[in-house]
Amino acid sequence: MRRSLLRTATLCAVFFSAGGALADSFGAISYSPSTGATGWSYDHGSRRSAERTAQDGCFQNANDCRIAIWFKNGCGAVARGDGGGWGADWGADRGPAEYLALQACRQHTTRCRVVRWQCSGL
């Protein structure tokens, strides 16, 4: 009986942990162009929820926040440069997200640097 309960518990743990790993995980970064304030989120079940959390965080420090990037099962990054120019992008992990955000920023300005990155569902 004890062995049967242990086997059942083990199978349930494997089943539920595998199910959790297959679920999509959303994140977002909100950005204020005038102040540079950011808000972010990760591990949300929907894009809308992730964006709302990121916006709420940014609005605590600025009033012109906008969603710069949202991502699913990956990473996002925001880069800012001279004169307030900025860019954002996403990738499978942190490195590509930062690289692509810097490339997007360089289309608008110079001396870009990553000001925020976040990953979700990795």
N, C-alpha and C. Protein backbone atom coordinates (compact mmCIF):
# COMPACT_ATOMS: atom_id res chain seq x y z
N MET A 1 0.83 -1.20 0.00
CA MET A 1 0.00 0.00 0.00
C MET A 1 0.87 1.26 0.00
N ARG A 2 1.88 1.27 0.86
CA ARG A 2 2.75 2.44 0.97
C ARG A 2 3.49 2.69 -0.35
N ARG A 3 3.98 1.61 -0.96
CA ARG A 3 4.69 1.72 -2.23
C ARG A 3 3.76 2.26 -3.32
N SER A 4 2.52 1.85 -3.31
CA SER A 4 1.52 2.32 -4.28
C SER A 4 1.26 3.81 -4.11
N LEU A 5 1.14 4.27 -2.88
CA LEU A 5 0.94 5.70 -2.63
C LEU A 5 2.14 6.52 -3.07
N LEU A 6 3.33 6.01 -2.80
CA LEU A 6 4.55 6.71 -3.21
C LEU A 6 4.63 6.80 -4.73
N ARG A 7 4.30 5.71 -5.41
CA ARG A 7 4.33 5.68 -6.87
C ARG A 7 3.31 6.67 -7.44
N THR A 8 2.11 6.70 -6.87
CA THR A 8 1.07 7.62 -7.32
C THR A 8 1.51 9.07 -7.10
N ALA A 9 2.08 9.36 -5.95
CA ALA A 9 2.56 10.72 -5.66
C ALA A 9 3.66 11.12 -6.61
N THR A 10 4.57 10.20 -6.90
CA THR A 10 5.66 10.50 -7.83
C THR A 10 5.13 10.77 -9.23
N LEU A 11 4.20 9.95 -9.70
CA LEU A 11 3.62 10.16 -11.03
C LEU A 11 2.87 11.48 -11.11
N CYS A 12 2.15 11.83 -10.06
CA CYS A 12 1.44 13.11 -10.04
C CYS A 12 2.42 14.27 -10.09
N ALA A 13 3.50 14.18 -9.34
CA ALA A 13 4.51 15.26 -9.33
C ALA A 13 5.12 15.42 -10.72
N VAL A 14 5.46 14.31 -11.36
CA VAL A 14 6.04 14.38 -12.71
C VAL A 14 5.03 14.95 -13.68
N PHE A 15 3.79 14.51 -13.63
CA PHE A 15 2.76 14.98 -14.54
C PHE A 15 2.54 16.48 -14.38
N PHE A 16 2.36 16.94 -13.15
CA PHE A 16 2.07 18.36 -12.95
C PHE A 16 3.28 19.25 -13.20
N SER A 17 4.48 18.80 -12.93
CA SER A 17 5.65 19.63 -13.22
C SER A 17 5.87 19.72 -14.72
N ALA A 18 5.63 18.64 -15.45
CA ALA A 18 5.77 18.68 -16.91
C ALA A 18 4.70 19.59 -17.51
N GLY A 19 3.49 19.54 -16.96
CA GLY A 19 2.42 20.40 -17.46
C GLY A 19 2.75 21.86 -17.26
N GLY A 20 3.35 22.20 -16.12
CA GLY A 20 3.72 23.59 -15.85
C GLY A 20 4.81 24.08 -16.79
N ALA A 21 5.71 23.17 -17.17
CA ALA A 21 6.81 23.56 -18.04
C ALA A 21 6.32 23.85 -19.46
N LEU A 22 5.19 23.27 -19.84
CA LEU A 22 4.69 23.46 -21.18
C LEU A 22 3.81 24.71 -21.33
N ALA A 23 3.40 25.30 -20.22
CA ALA A 23 2.55 26.48 -20.27
C ALA A 23 3.33 27.69 -20.75
N ASP A 24 2.68 28.54 -21.54
CA ASP A 24 3.32 29.77 -21.99
C ASP A 24 3.48 30.74 -20.83
N SER A 25 4.56 31.48 -20.87
CA SER A 25 4.86 32.45 -19.83
C SER A 25 5.15 33.80 -20.49
N PHE A 26 4.37 34.80 -20.13
CA PHE A 26 4.48 36.12 -20.75
C PHE A 26 5.17 37.11 -19.82
N GLY A 27 5.86 38.06 -20.42
CA GLY A 27 6.46 39.17 -19.69
C GLY A 27 6.38 40.42 -20.54
N ALA A 28 6.67 41.56 -19.92
CA ALA A 28 6.63 42.83 -20.64
C ALA A 28 7.53 43.84 -19.94
N ILE A 29 7.93 44.84 -20.70
CA ILE A 29 8.66 45.98 -20.15
C ILE A 29 7.95 47.24 -20.61
N SER A 30 7.64 48.10 -19.66
CA SER A 30 7.03 49.40 -19.94
C SER A 30 8.13 50.45 -19.77
N TYR A 31 8.06 51.51 -20.56
CA TYR A 31 9.14 52.49 -20.57
C TYR A 31 8.57 53.91 -20.70
N SER A 32 9.17 54.83 -19.96
CA SER A 32 8.82 56.25 -20.06
C SER A 32 9.91 56.97 -20.84
N PRO A 33 9.63 57.43 -22.05
CA PRO A 33 10.65 58.14 -22.83
C PRO A 33 11.14 59.43 -22.18
N SER A 34 10.29 60.10 -21.41
CA SER A 34 10.71 61.38 -20.84
C SER A 34 11.58 61.23 -19.60
N THR A 35 11.35 60.18 -18.80
CA THR A 35 12.11 60.03 -17.55
C THR A 35 13.05 58.85 -17.55
N GLY A 36 12.83 57.89 -18.43
CA GLY A 36 13.63 56.67 -18.42
C GLY A 36 13.13 55.64 -17.42
N ALA A 37 12.02 55.92 -16.74
CA ALA A 37 11.46 54.96 -15.78
C ALA A 37 11.01 53.70 -16.51
N THR A 38 11.12 52.58 -15.82
CA THR A 38 10.66 51.31 -16.39
C THR A 38 9.79 50.57 -15.39
N GLY A 39 9.00 49.69 -15.92
CA GLY A 39 8.23 48.71 -15.15
C GLY A 39 8.34 47.41 -15.91
N TRP A 40 8.26 46.29 -15.23
CA TRP A 40 8.44 45.01 -15.90
C TRP A 40 7.61 43.93 -15.24
N SER A 41 7.49 42.84 -15.95
CA SER A 41 6.77 41.69 -15.44
C SER A 41 7.36 40.43 -16.06
N TYR A 42 7.06 39.29 -15.43
CA TYR A 42 7.50 38.00 -15.94
C TYR A 42 6.60 36.91 -15.36
N ASP A 43 6.58 35.79 -16.04
CA ASP A 43 5.83 34.61 -15.61
C ASP A 43 4.34 34.85 -15.43
N HIS A 44 3.74 35.57 -16.36
CA HIS A 44 2.29 35.77 -16.35
C HIS A 44 1.65 34.80 -17.34
N GLY A 45 0.40 34.46 -17.10
CA GLY A 45 -0.32 33.53 -17.95
C GLY A 45 -0.88 34.14 -19.22
N SER A 46 -0.86 35.48 -19.33
CA SER A 46 -1.36 36.13 -20.54
C SER A 46 -0.57 37.40 -20.82
N ARG A 47 -0.60 37.79 -22.07
CA ARG A 47 0.06 39.02 -22.48
C ARG A 47 -0.56 40.22 -21.76
N ARG A 48 -1.87 40.24 -21.70
CA ARG A 48 -2.58 41.36 -21.08
C ARG A 48 -2.18 41.54 -19.62
N SER A 49 -2.12 40.46 -18.88
CA SER A 49 -1.73 40.52 -17.47
C SER A 49 -0.28 41.01 -17.32
N ALA A 50 0.60 40.51 -18.18
CA ALA A 50 2.00 40.93 -18.14
C ALA A 50 2.13 42.43 -18.44
N GLU A 51 1.42 42.90 -19.45
CA GLU A 51 1.49 44.31 -19.80
C GLU A 51 0.91 45.19 -18.70
N ARG A 52 -0.17 44.76 -18.09
CA ARG A 52 -0.79 45.55 -17.02
C ARG A 52 0.17 45.70 -15.83
N THR A 53 0.83 44.63 -15.45
CA THR A 53 1.77 44.68 -14.33
C THR A 53 2.95 45.58 -14.66
N ALA A 54 3.47 45.49 -15.88
CA ALA A 54 4.60 46.34 -16.28
C ALA A 54 4.18 47.81 -16.27
N GLN A 55 3.01 48.10 -16.80
CA GLN A 55 2.52 49.48 -16.81
C GLN A 55 2.34 50.02 -15.39
N ASP A 56 1.74 49.22 -14.52
CA ASP A 56 1.54 49.65 -13.13
C ASP A 56 2.87 50.00 -12.47
N GLY A 57 3.89 49.20 -12.71
CA GLY A 57 5.20 49.48 -12.13
C GLY A 57 5.82 50.76 -12.66
N CYS A 58 5.70 50.99 -13.94
CA CYS A 58 6.27 52.20 -14.54
C CYS A 58 5.52 53.44 -14.11
N PHE A 59 4.19 53.34 -14.05
CA PHE A 59 3.37 54.51 -13.69
C PHE A 59 3.61 54.96 -12.25
N GLN A 60 4.28 54.18 -11.45
CA GLN A 60 4.63 54.63 -10.10
C GLN A 60 5.68 55.74 -10.13
N ASN A 61 6.39 55.86 -11.27
CA ASN A 61 7.48 56.84 -11.37
C ASN A 61 7.35 57.81 -12.54
N ALA A 62 6.39 57.62 -13.40
CA ALA A 62 6.23 58.49 -14.58
C ALA A 62 4.79 58.41 -15.08
N ASN A 63 4.39 59.41 -15.89
CA ASN A 63 3.01 59.39 -16.38
C ASN A 63 2.91 59.18 -17.90
N ASP A 64 4.03 58.95 -18.57
CA ASP A 64 3.97 58.73 -20.02
C ASP A 64 4.49 57.34 -20.40
N CYS A 65 4.25 56.38 -19.53
CA CYS A 65 4.74 55.02 -19.78
C CYS A 65 3.99 54.37 -20.93
N ARG A 66 4.71 53.55 -21.66
CA ARG A 66 4.13 52.78 -22.76
C ARG A 66 4.80 51.41 -22.79
N ILE A 67 4.09 50.44 -23.30
CA ILE A 67 4.69 49.11 -23.43
C ILE A 67 5.75 49.18 -24.51
N ALA A 68 6.99 48.95 -24.11
CA ALA A 68 8.10 48.97 -25.07
C ALA A 68 8.23 47.63 -25.77
N ILE A 69 8.01 46.54 -25.00
CA ILE A 69 8.15 45.20 -25.57
C ILE A 69 7.41 44.19 -24.70
N TRP A 70 6.79 43.22 -25.31
CA TRP A 70 6.24 42.08 -24.59
C TRP A 70 6.88 40.84 -25.19
N PHE A 71 6.92 39.78 -24.43
CA PHE A 71 7.60 38.56 -24.88
C PHE A 71 6.93 37.34 -24.27
N LYS A 72 7.09 36.22 -24.94
CA LYS A 72 6.50 34.95 -24.50
C LYS A 72 7.60 33.90 -24.51
N ASN A 73 7.83 33.27 -23.38
CA ASN A 73 8.84 32.21 -23.26
C ASN A 73 10.20 32.68 -23.78
N GLY A 74 10.58 33.88 -23.41
CA GLY A 74 11.84 34.46 -23.86
C GLY A 74 12.19 35.66 -23.02
N CYS A 75 12.94 36.58 -23.61
CA CYS A 75 13.41 37.76 -22.91
C CYS A 75 13.16 39.02 -23.74
N GLY A 76 13.03 40.13 -23.05
CA GLY A 76 12.91 41.43 -23.70
C GLY A 76 13.93 42.38 -23.11
N ALA A 77 14.26 43.42 -23.86
CA ALA A 77 15.21 44.42 -23.39
C ALA A 77 14.87 45.79 -23.98
N VAL A 78 15.22 46.83 -23.24
CA VAL A 78 15.05 48.22 -23.68
C VAL A 78 16.42 48.89 -23.58
N ALA A 79 16.78 49.62 -24.63
CA ALA A 79 18.04 50.37 -24.65
C ALA A 79 17.73 51.85 -24.88
N ARG A 80 18.50 52.71 -24.23
CA ARG A 80 18.32 54.15 -24.35
C ARG A 80 19.65 54.78 -24.74
N GLY A 81 19.57 55.84 -25.57
CA GLY A 81 20.78 56.51 -26.01
C GLY A 81 20.70 58.01 -25.81
N ASP A 82 21.57 58.73 -26.49
CA ASP A 82 21.61 60.19 -26.40
C ASP A 82 20.31 60.81 -26.89
N GLY A 83 19.96 61.94 -26.30
CA GLY A 83 18.81 62.71 -26.75
C GLY A 83 17.47 62.02 -26.54
N GLY A 84 17.43 61.03 -25.69
CA GLY A 84 16.16 60.35 -25.41
C GLY A 84 15.77 59.28 -26.40
N GLY A 85 16.58 59.03 -27.41
CA GLY A 85 16.27 57.96 -28.36
C GLY A 85 16.35 56.61 -27.67
N TRP A 86 15.52 55.69 -28.11
CA TRP A 86 15.51 54.37 -27.48
C TRP A 86 15.02 53.32 -28.44
N GLY A 87 15.18 52.06 -28.06
CA GLY A 87 14.70 50.94 -28.86
C GLY A 87 14.49 49.74 -27.96
N ALA A 88 13.70 48.81 -28.41
CA ALA A 88 13.41 47.60 -27.65
C ALA A 88 13.26 46.42 -28.59
N ASP A 89 13.53 45.23 -28.07
CA ASP A 89 13.33 44.02 -28.86
C ASP A 89 13.34 42.82 -27.92
N TRP A 90 13.16 41.64 -28.48
CA TRP A 90 13.10 40.42 -27.69
C TRP A 90 13.95 39.34 -28.34
N GLY A 91 14.24 38.29 -27.58
CA GLY A 91 15.00 37.17 -28.09
C GLY A 91 14.76 35.94 -27.25
N ALA A 92 15.35 34.84 -27.66
CA ALA A 92 15.18 33.57 -26.96
C ALA A 92 15.79 33.60 -25.56
N ASP A 93 16.83 34.41 -25.37
CA ASP A 93 17.40 34.59 -24.05
C ASP A 93 17.97 36.01 -23.94
N ARG A 94 18.62 36.32 -22.84
CA ARG A 94 19.04 37.69 -22.55
C ARG A 94 19.98 38.28 -23.61
N GLY A 95 20.97 37.53 -24.04
CA GLY A 95 21.96 38.04 -24.99
C GLY A 95 21.34 38.58 -26.28
N PRO A 96 20.57 37.77 -26.99
CA PRO A 96 19.94 38.27 -28.22
C PRO A 96 18.97 39.42 -27.97
N ALA A 97 18.24 39.38 -26.86
CA ALA A 97 17.31 40.48 -26.57
C ALA A 97 18.05 41.79 -26.40
N GLU A 98 19.15 41.77 -25.64
CA GLU A 98 19.93 43.00 -25.45
C GLU A 98 20.56 43.47 -26.76
N TYR A 99 21.13 42.55 -27.52
CA TYR A 99 21.75 42.90 -28.79
C TYR A 99 20.75 43.56 -29.74
N LEU A 100 19.58 42.96 -29.88
CA LEU A 100 18.57 43.50 -30.79
C LEU A 100 17.99 44.83 -30.29
N ALA A 101 17.86 44.99 -28.97
CA ALA A 101 17.40 46.27 -28.42
C ALA A 101 18.43 47.37 -28.71
N LEU A 102 19.71 47.05 -28.58
CA LEU A 102 20.76 48.03 -28.90
C LEU A 102 20.72 48.38 -30.38
N GLN A 103 20.52 47.39 -31.25
CA GLN A 103 20.41 47.66 -32.69
C GLN A 103 19.22 48.57 -32.98
N ALA A 104 18.09 48.32 -32.34
CA ALA A 104 16.89 49.15 -32.54
C ALA A 104 17.15 50.57 -32.06
N CYS A 105 17.82 50.72 -30.94
CA CYS A 105 18.13 52.05 -30.41
C CYS A 105 19.07 52.82 -31.35
N ARG A 106 20.06 52.13 -31.90
CA ARG A 106 21.04 52.77 -32.78
C ARG A 106 20.44 53.27 -34.08
N GLN A 107 19.23 52.83 -34.39
CA GLN A 107 18.54 53.37 -35.57
C GLN A 107 18.04 54.78 -35.32
N HIS A 108 17.99 55.19 -34.04
CA HIS A 108 17.43 56.49 -33.68
C HIS A 108 18.43 57.43 -33.03
N THR A 109 19.51 56.89 -32.48
CA THR A 109 20.43 57.73 -31.72
C THR A 109 21.77 57.01 -31.55
N THR A 110 22.67 57.63 -30.80
CA THR A 110 24.00 57.06 -30.57
C THR A 110 24.19 56.76 -29.07
N ARG A 111 25.29 56.12 -28.77
CA ARG A 111 25.69 55.80 -27.39
C ARG A 111 24.57 55.08 -26.62
N CYS A 112 24.03 54.08 -27.23
CA CYS A 112 22.95 53.31 -26.61
C CYS A 112 23.48 52.37 -25.55
N ARG A 113 22.67 52.17 -24.52
CA ARG A 113 22.99 51.20 -23.47
C ARG A 113 21.68 50.56 -23.01
N VAL A 114 21.75 49.33 -22.61
CA VAL A 114 20.56 48.62 -22.12
C VAL A 114 20.21 49.18 -20.74
N VAL A 115 18.94 49.57 -20.58
CA VAL A 115 18.48 50.11 -19.30
C VAL A 115 17.61 49.12 -18.54
N ARG A 116 17.09 48.10 -19.23
CA ARG A 116 16.29 47.07 -18.56
C ARG A 116 16.19 45.84 -19.43
N TRP A 117 16.32 44.69 -18.82
CA TRP A 117 16.04 43.41 -19.49
C TRP A 117 15.26 42.54 -18.52
N GLN A 118 14.51 41.62 -19.08
CA GLN A 118 13.73 40.69 -18.25
C GLN A 118 13.44 39.44 -19.05
N CYS A 119 13.42 38.30 -18.39
CA CYS A 119 13.10 37.03 -19.05
C CYS A 119 11.88 36.40 -18.39
N SER A 120 11.22 35.55 -19.14
CA SER A 120 10.02 34.86 -18.65
C SER A 120 9.93 33.48 -19.27
N GLY A 121 9.68 32.49 -18.43
CA GLY A 121 9.42 31.16 -18.93
C GLY A 121 10.62 30.40 -19.42
N LEU A 122 11.80 30.73 -18.93
CA LEU A 122 13.00 30.00 -19.38
C LEU A 122 13.40 28.92 -18.41
